[in-house]
């Protein structure tokens, strides 16, 4: 399995959101996707209405890919099946700006969904950039910058 981290900028409003997430988190990423061994991706996306599976062409000019050989693919897949269709957690995203805003367990944002599917505790605490740093740490990478 792998995780893809989006480092490009969409046109229009989506691009503003990409820029805001990267700026607030002081990192290059604004979204992430879990990639199963069959090539199907899973995440939560505002544009796609929440938690979903999707076939994506991962252009390496726009995405960084991190291998996660330690992950339990069947457990992650089961998590996405069980949570498929849950709404995108836009309010939960605001907790990165205003700390007292709590998460909503019935809604998920991208890194929250990906990390929960991998068994990370309190996954709502991590945005895409923190998730990328965590995955690189789990893989033994130091000083990834």
Protein backbone atom coordinates (compact mmCIF):
# COMPACT_ATOMS: atom_id res chain seq x y z
CA UNK A 1 0.00 0.00 0.00
CA UNK A 2 0.93 3.62 -0.47
CA UNK A 3 -0.22 7.09 0.45
CA UNK A 4 -0.23 9.84 -2.17
CA UNK A 5 0.21 13.43 -0.99
CA UNK A 6 -1.07 16.22 -3.28
CA UNK A 7 1.48 18.98 -3.83
CA UNK A 8 -0.02 20.85 -6.78
CA UNK A 9 -2.68 23.54 -7.04
CA UNK A 10 -6.09 23.14 -8.66
CA UNK A 11 -7.59 26.05 -10.59
CA UNK A 12 -10.27 28.25 -8.97
CA UNK A 13 -11.67 27.85 -5.44
CA UNK A 14 -10.06 24.44 -5.03
CA UNK A 15 -6.70 26.11 -5.63
CA UNK A 16 -7.36 28.66 -2.89
CA UNK A 17 -8.14 25.79 -0.53
CA UNK A 18 -4.92 23.98 -1.59
CA UNK A 19 -2.94 27.13 -0.90
CA UNK A 20 -4.62 27.75 2.49
CA UNK A 21 -4.02 24.20 3.74
CA UNK A 22 -0.37 24.23 2.67
CA UNK A 23 0.16 27.70 4.16
CA UNK A 24 -1.47 26.96 7.49
CA UNK A 25 0.36 23.66 7.89
CA UNK A 26 3.68 25.11 6.64
CA UNK A 27 4.12 22.23 4.23
CA UNK A 28 3.83 21.24 0.58
CA UNK A 29 0.64 19.12 0.81
CA UNK A 30 -3.07 19.91 0.79
CA UNK A 31 -4.65 16.45 0.37
CA UNK A 32 -3.83 12.76 0.68
CA UNK A 33 -5.12 9.48 -0.74
CA UNK A 34 -4.59 5.89 0.39
CA UNK A 35 -3.66 3.69 -2.59
CA UNK A 36 -4.54 0.01 -2.40
CA UNK A 37 -2.42 -2.59 -4.17
CA UNK A 38 -4.98 -2.83 -7.00
CA UNK A 39 -4.48 0.90 -7.75
CA UNK A 40 -7.81 2.11 -6.36
CA UNK A 41 -7.53 5.14 -4.09
CA UNK A 42 -9.59 6.00 -1.02
CA UNK A 43 -9.93 9.16 1.01
CA UNK A 44 -12.44 11.82 1.97
CA UNK A 45 -12.88 14.73 -0.40
CA UNK A 46 -15.07 17.82 -0.20
CA UNK A 47 -15.37 17.82 -4.01
CA UNK A 48 -16.49 14.17 -4.05
CA UNK A 49 -18.93 14.48 -1.14
CA UNK A 50 -16.93 12.74 1.59
CA UNK A 51 -15.49 9.27 2.14
CA UNK A 52 -15.15 7.37 -1.13
CA UNK A 53 -13.12 5.09 -3.38
CA UNK A 54 -11.82 6.53 -6.66
CA UNK A 55 -9.56 5.60 -9.56
CA UNK A 56 -6.94 8.36 -9.88
CA UNK A 57 -4.05 8.85 -12.30
CA UNK A 58 -1.27 9.88 -9.90
CA UNK A 59 0.91 12.22 -11.96
CA UNK A 60 4.19 12.39 -10.02
CA UNK A 61 4.54 16.08 -10.90
CA UNK A 62 1.50 16.68 -8.67
CA UNK A 63 1.77 13.91 -6.07
CA UNK A 64 4.42 12.50 -3.75
CA UNK A 65 3.98 8.79 -3.04
CA UNK A 66 5.04 7.15 0.24
CA UNK A 67 5.18 3.36 0.55
CA UNK A 68 3.61 1.91 3.70
CA UNK A 69 4.60 -1.77 3.62
CA UNK A 70 3.68 -2.23 7.29
CA UNK A 71 0.00 -1.32 6.72
CA UNK A 72 -2.83 -3.86 7.02
CA UNK A 73 -4.56 -3.48 3.65
CA UNK A 74 -7.59 -5.62 4.50
CA UNK A 75 -8.26 -3.61 7.69
CA UNK A 76 -7.89 -0.31 5.80
CA UNK A 77 -10.23 -1.51 3.05
CA UNK A 78 -12.78 -2.66 5.64
CA UNK A 79 -12.61 0.78 7.30
CA UNK A 80 -13.36 2.52 4.00
CA UNK A 81 -16.24 0.14 3.24
CA UNK A 82 -17.73 0.74 6.71
CA UNK A 83 -17.35 4.54 6.42
CA UNK A 84 -18.15 4.96 2.72
CA UNK A 85 -20.48 7.90 2.16
CA UNK A 86 -19.72 9.76 5.40
CA UNK A 87 -19.68 13.49 4.75
CA UNK A 88 -16.55 15.59 4.44
CA UNK A 89 -15.54 17.20 7.74
CA UNK A 90 -15.12 20.87 6.76
CA UNK A 91 -15.80 22.06 10.34
CA UNK A 92 -13.23 19.59 11.67
CA UNK A 93 -10.69 21.12 9.30
CA UNK A 94 -11.23 24.43 11.05
CA UNK A 95 -9.75 23.03 14.26
CA UNK A 96 -6.36 23.53 12.62
CA UNK A 97 -7.11 27.28 12.63
CA UNK A 98 -9.15 27.54 15.83
CA UNK A 99 -8.06 24.92 18.33
CA UNK A 100 -11.25 24.73 20.39
CA UNK A 101 -13.32 23.44 17.47
CA UNK A 102 -13.76 19.71 17.94
CA UNK A 103 -13.97 16.98 15.36
CA UNK A 104 -17.16 15.26 14.24
CA UNK A 105 -16.91 11.48 14.40
CA UNK A 106 -19.58 11.09 11.72
CA UNK A 107 -17.62 13.23 9.21
CA UNK A 108 -14.06 12.83 7.94
CA UNK A 109 -11.42 14.94 6.19
CA UNK A 110 -8.75 13.35 3.97
CA UNK A 111 -5.89 12.69 6.35
CA UNK A 112 -8.31 11.77 9.13
CA UNK A 113 -9.88 9.08 6.94
CA UNK A 114 -6.55 7.74 5.68
CA UNK A 115 -4.97 7.60 9.13
CA UNK A 116 -8.05 6.14 10.85
CA UNK A 117 -8.10 3.37 8.24
CA UNK A 118 -4.49 2.59 9.21
CA UNK A 119 -5.35 2.45 12.91
CA UNK A 120 -3.83 5.78 14.01
CA UNK A 121 -5.32 6.99 17.30
CA UNK A 122 -6.82 10.51 17.27
CA UNK A 123 -6.35 10.77 13.50
CA UNK A 124 -8.39 14.01 13.49
CA UNK A 125 -5.32 15.74 14.96
CA UNK A 126 -3.26 15.32 11.76
CA UNK A 127 -3.43 17.27 8.53
CA UNK A 128 -1.83 16.03 5.30
CA UNK A 129 1.61 17.45 6.11
CA UNK A 130 1.75 15.95 9.60
CA UNK A 131 0.50 12.66 8.13
CA UNK A 132 3.31 12.72 5.55
CA UNK A 133 5.91 13.37 8.25
CA UNK A 134 4.46 10.57 10.39
CA UNK A 135 4.52 8.05 7.52
CA UNK A 136 8.09 8.93 6.62
CA UNK A 137 9.06 8.52 10.29
CA UNK A 138 7.36 5.11 10.43
CA UNK A 139 9.41 4.17 7.37
CA UNK A 140 12.67 5.28 9.05
CA UNK A 141 13.23 8.41 6.94
CA UNK A 142 14.92 11.28 8.78
CA UNK A 143 15.33 14.87 7.64
CA UNK A 144 12.94 14.44 4.71
CA UNK A 145 13.17 18.12 3.78
